[in-house]
Amino acid sequence: MEYTYPTIVATVTRMISKNKGVRKSAILVKDNLRELGLDQLDVVDLILEVEKKYHITIPDEVPVETVTDIARFVYTHAAA
């Protein structure tokens, strides 16, 4: 299955919105996850959800601070 960057961003945004109650329209790709109200545990839960959805593993050393960070990693690794 091929994933497009915009669909990945939309999926990650939907996950954050669902889990943190933040309006999807209020989430920008450049937003820092902490500024969106996610604490360390929330970020770990989000990463696990993304990994499960896209059948990938995001290594601990990969910086995951924004929606863009997650979407870029998924885009470059999920299609492989």
N, C-alpha and C. Protein backbone atom coordinates (compact mmCIF):
# COMPACT_ATOMS: atom_id res chain seq x y z
N MET A 1 0.84 -1.18 0.00
CA MET A 1 0.00 0.00 0.00
C MET A 1 0.88 1.24 0.00
N GLU A 2 0.50 2.22 -0.80
CA GLU A 2 1.26 3.45 -0.89
C GLU A 2 0.57 4.54 -0.06
N TYR A 3 1.34 5.22 0.74
CA TYR A 3 0.81 6.29 1.59
C TYR A 3 1.32 7.63 1.06
N THR A 4 0.45 8.61 1.04
CA THR A 4 0.86 9.94 0.64
C THR A 4 1.11 10.77 1.89
N TYR A 5 1.98 11.74 1.75
CA TYR A 5 2.30 12.60 2.89
C TYR A 5 1.04 13.27 3.47
N PRO A 6 0.17 13.84 2.62
CA PRO A 6 -1.03 14.48 3.18
C PRO A 6 -1.95 13.51 3.94
N THR A 7 -2.07 12.27 3.48
CA THR A 7 -2.92 11.32 4.20
C THR A 7 -2.29 10.90 5.52
N ILE A 8 -0.98 10.81 5.54
CA ILE A 8 -0.28 10.49 6.80
C ILE A 8 -0.48 11.62 7.80
N VAL A 9 -0.31 12.86 7.36
CA VAL A 9 -0.53 14.02 8.23
C VAL A 9 -1.95 14.01 8.76
N ALA A 10 -2.91 13.76 7.89
CA ALA A 10 -4.33 13.72 8.31
C ALA A 10 -4.58 12.62 9.34
N THR A 11 -3.96 11.47 9.14
CA THR A 11 -4.13 10.36 10.08
C THR A 11 -3.53 10.69 11.44
N VAL A 12 -2.31 11.21 11.45
CA VAL A 12 -1.65 11.57 12.71
C VAL A 12 -2.44 12.67 13.42
N THR A 13 -2.90 13.64 12.67
CA THR A 13 -3.71 14.73 13.23
C THR A 13 -4.99 14.18 13.85
N ARG A 14 -5.63 13.25 13.15
CA ARG A 14 -6.85 12.62 13.66
C ARG A 14 -6.56 11.86 14.96
N MET A 15 -5.43 11.16 15.02
CA MET A 15 -5.05 10.41 16.23
C MET A 15 -4.89 11.36 17.42
N ILE A 16 -4.20 12.47 17.19
CA ILE A 16 -3.98 13.45 18.26
C ILE A 16 -5.31 14.04 18.70
N SER A 17 -6.13 14.41 17.74
CA SER A 17 -7.42 15.01 18.04
C SER A 17 -8.29 14.06 18.87
N LYS A 18 -8.32 12.81 18.45
CA LYS A 18 -9.13 11.80 19.14
C LYS A 18 -8.63 11.55 20.57
N ASN A 19 -7.34 11.45 20.73
CA ASN A 19 -6.78 11.08 22.03
C ASN A 19 -6.65 12.25 23.01
N LYS A 20 -6.49 13.47 22.48
CA LYS A 20 -6.29 14.62 23.36
C LYS A 20 -7.43 15.62 23.34
N GLY A 21 -8.42 15.39 22.48
CA GLY A 21 -9.56 16.29 22.43
C GLY A 21 -9.24 17.66 21.83
N VAL A 22 -8.18 17.72 21.02
CA VAL A 22 -7.81 18.96 20.35
C VAL A 22 -8.51 18.96 18.99
N ARG A 23 -9.10 20.09 18.63
CA ARG A 23 -9.76 20.17 17.32
C ARG A 23 -8.74 19.94 16.22
N LYS A 24 -9.11 19.13 15.21
CA LYS A 24 -8.20 18.85 14.09
C LYS A 24 -7.77 20.13 13.40
N SER A 25 -8.67 21.07 13.27
CA SER A 25 -8.36 22.32 12.59
C SER A 25 -7.36 23.17 13.37
N ALA A 26 -7.18 22.87 14.65
CA ALA A 26 -6.25 23.63 15.48
C ALA A 26 -4.84 23.04 15.46
N ILE A 27 -4.67 21.89 14.82
CA ILE A 27 -3.38 21.20 14.80
C ILE A 27 -2.67 21.51 13.48
N LEU A 28 -1.49 22.10 13.59
CA LEU A 28 -0.68 22.39 12.42
C LEU A 28 0.51 21.44 12.39
N VAL A 29 1.00 21.12 11.20
CA VAL A 29 2.09 20.14 11.09
C VAL A 29 3.35 20.59 11.81
N LYS A 30 3.54 21.89 11.95
CA LYS A 30 4.74 22.38 12.61
C LYS A 30 4.59 22.47 14.12
N ASP A 31 3.39 22.24 14.61
CA ASP A 31 3.14 22.34 16.05
C ASP A 31 3.96 21.33 16.84
N ASN A 32 4.53 21.81 17.91
CA ASN A 32 5.23 20.94 18.83
C ASN A 32 4.19 20.12 19.59
N LEU A 33 4.44 18.83 19.71
CA LEU A 33 3.48 17.94 20.38
C LEU A 33 3.21 18.38 21.82
N ARG A 34 4.23 18.87 22.49
CA ARG A 34 4.06 19.33 23.88
C ARG A 34 3.13 20.54 23.94
N GLU A 35 3.26 21.43 22.95
CA GLU A 35 2.39 22.61 22.91
C GLU A 35 0.93 22.23 22.64
N LEU A 36 0.73 21.07 22.05
CA LEU A 36 -0.62 20.57 21.82
C LEU A 36 -1.21 19.89 23.06
N GLY A 37 -0.40 19.81 24.12
CA GLY A 37 -0.88 19.23 25.36
C GLY A 37 -0.49 17.78 25.58
N LEU A 38 0.38 17.24 24.73
CA LEU A 38 0.82 15.86 24.90
C LEU A 38 2.01 15.81 25.85
N ASP A 39 1.92 14.95 26.86
CA ASP A 39 3.07 14.74 27.73
C ASP A 39 3.87 13.55 27.19
N GLN A 40 4.92 13.18 27.89
CA GLN A 40 5.81 12.11 27.42
C GLN A 40 5.06 10.81 27.16
N LEU A 41 4.17 10.44 28.06
CA LEU A 41 3.39 9.21 27.91
C LEU A 41 2.45 9.30 26.70
N ASP A 42 1.85 10.47 26.49
CA ASP A 42 0.99 10.67 25.33
C ASP A 42 1.78 10.49 24.03
N VAL A 43 2.99 11.02 23.99
CA VAL A 43 3.84 10.91 22.80
C VAL A 43 4.18 9.44 22.55
N VAL A 44 4.52 8.71 23.60
CA VAL A 44 4.82 7.28 23.45
C VAL A 44 3.59 6.54 22.93
N ASP A 45 2.42 6.84 23.48
CA ASP A 45 1.18 6.20 23.02
C ASP A 45 0.91 6.52 21.56
N LEU A 46 1.15 7.77 21.17
CA LEU A 46 0.96 8.18 19.77
C LEU A 46 1.91 7.42 18.86
N ILE A 47 3.16 7.32 19.26
CA ILE A 47 4.15 6.59 18.46
C ILE A 47 3.73 5.13 18.31
N LEU A 48 3.29 4.51 19.38
CA LEU A 48 2.85 3.11 19.31
C LEU A 48 1.66 2.95 18.38
N GLU A 49 0.74 3.90 18.43
CA GLU A 49 -0.43 3.85 17.55
C GLU A 49 -0.02 4.01 16.08
N VAL A 50 0.91 4.92 15.82
CA VAL A 50 1.41 5.14 14.46
C VAL A 50 2.14 3.89 13.96
N GLU A 51 2.98 3.32 14.82
CA GLU A 51 3.72 2.11 14.44
C GLU A 51 2.77 0.98 14.08
N LYS A 52 1.73 0.82 14.87
CA LYS A 52 0.76 -0.25 14.61
C LYS A 52 0.00 0.01 13.31
N LYS A 53 -0.42 1.24 13.10
CA LYS A 53 -1.19 1.60 11.90
C LYS A 53 -0.39 1.37 10.63
N TYR A 54 0.89 1.77 10.65
CA TYR A 54 1.71 1.73 9.43
C TYR A 54 2.69 0.55 9.39
N HIS A 55 2.64 -0.32 10.38
CA HIS A 55 3.49 -1.51 10.42
C HIS A 55 4.98 -1.16 10.30
N ILE A 56 5.39 -0.19 11.11
CA ILE A 56 6.78 0.23 11.13
C ILE A 56 7.24 0.33 12.58
N THR A 57 8.52 0.54 12.77
CA THR A 57 9.08 0.81 14.09
C THR A 57 9.81 2.14 14.02
N ILE A 58 9.48 3.04 14.91
CA ILE A 58 10.17 4.32 14.99
C ILE A 58 11.20 4.18 16.11
N PRO A 59 12.49 4.14 15.76
CA PRO A 59 13.53 3.97 16.78
C PRO A 59 13.53 5.11 17.80
N ASP A 60 13.97 4.79 19.01
CA ASP A 60 14.01 5.79 20.08
C ASP A 60 14.87 7.00 19.74
N GLU A 61 15.89 6.79 18.91
CA GLU A 61 16.80 7.90 18.60
C GLU A 61 16.25 8.87 17.56
N VAL A 62 15.11 8.54 16.96
CA VAL A 62 14.49 9.44 15.99
C VAL A 62 13.76 10.55 16.75
N PRO A 63 14.10 11.81 16.46
CA PRO A 63 13.42 12.90 17.16
C PRO A 63 11.96 13.00 16.72
N VAL A 64 11.07 12.99 17.68
CA VAL A 64 9.64 13.09 17.41
C VAL A 64 9.11 14.23 18.28
N GLU A 65 9.16 15.43 17.70
CA GLU A 65 8.71 16.60 18.45
C GLU A 65 7.52 17.30 17.81
N THR A 66 7.30 17.03 16.52
CA THR A 66 6.20 17.68 15.80
C THR A 66 5.42 16.66 14.97
N VAL A 67 4.27 17.08 14.49
CA VAL A 67 3.50 16.24 13.57
C VAL A 67 4.33 15.97 12.32
N THR A 68 5.06 16.97 11.86
CA THR A 68 5.93 16.82 10.69
C THR A 68 6.97 15.73 10.90
N ASP A 69 7.58 15.68 12.08
CA ASP A 69 8.58 14.65 12.37
C ASP A 69 7.99 13.25 12.17
N ILE A 70 6.83 13.04 12.70
CA ILE A 70 6.17 11.73 12.59
C ILE A 70 5.81 11.45 11.14
N ALA A 71 5.17 12.40 10.49
CA ALA A 71 4.70 12.20 9.11
C ALA A 71 5.87 11.94 8.17
N ARG A 72 6.96 12.67 8.32
CA ARG A 72 8.14 12.46 7.47
C ARG A 72 8.71 11.06 7.64
N PHE A 73 8.83 10.63 8.89
CA PHE A 73 9.38 9.30 9.14
C PHE A 73 8.48 8.23 8.53
N VAL A 74 7.19 8.33 8.77
CA VAL A 74 6.26 7.36 8.22
C VAL A 74 6.32 7.37 6.69
N TYR A 75 6.31 8.54 6.10
CA TYR A 75 6.33 8.66 4.64
C TYR A 75 7.56 7.99 4.03
N THR A 76 8.69 8.15 4.67
CA THR A 76 9.93 7.59 4.11
C THR A 76 10.15 6.14 4.46
N HIS A 77 9.43 5.62 5.45
CA HIS A 77 9.67 4.25 5.88
C HIS A 77 8.50 3.28 5.67
N ALA A 78 7.29 3.78 5.62
CA ALA A 78 6.13 2.89 5.50
C ALA A 78 6.03 2.27 4.10
N ALA A 79 6.45 2.98 3.10
CA ALA A 79 6.35 2.47 1.74
C ALA A 79 7.45 1.49 1.42
N ALA A 80 8.50 1.50 2.23
CA ALA A 80 9.66 0.64 1.95
C ALA A 80 9.35 -0.82 2.18
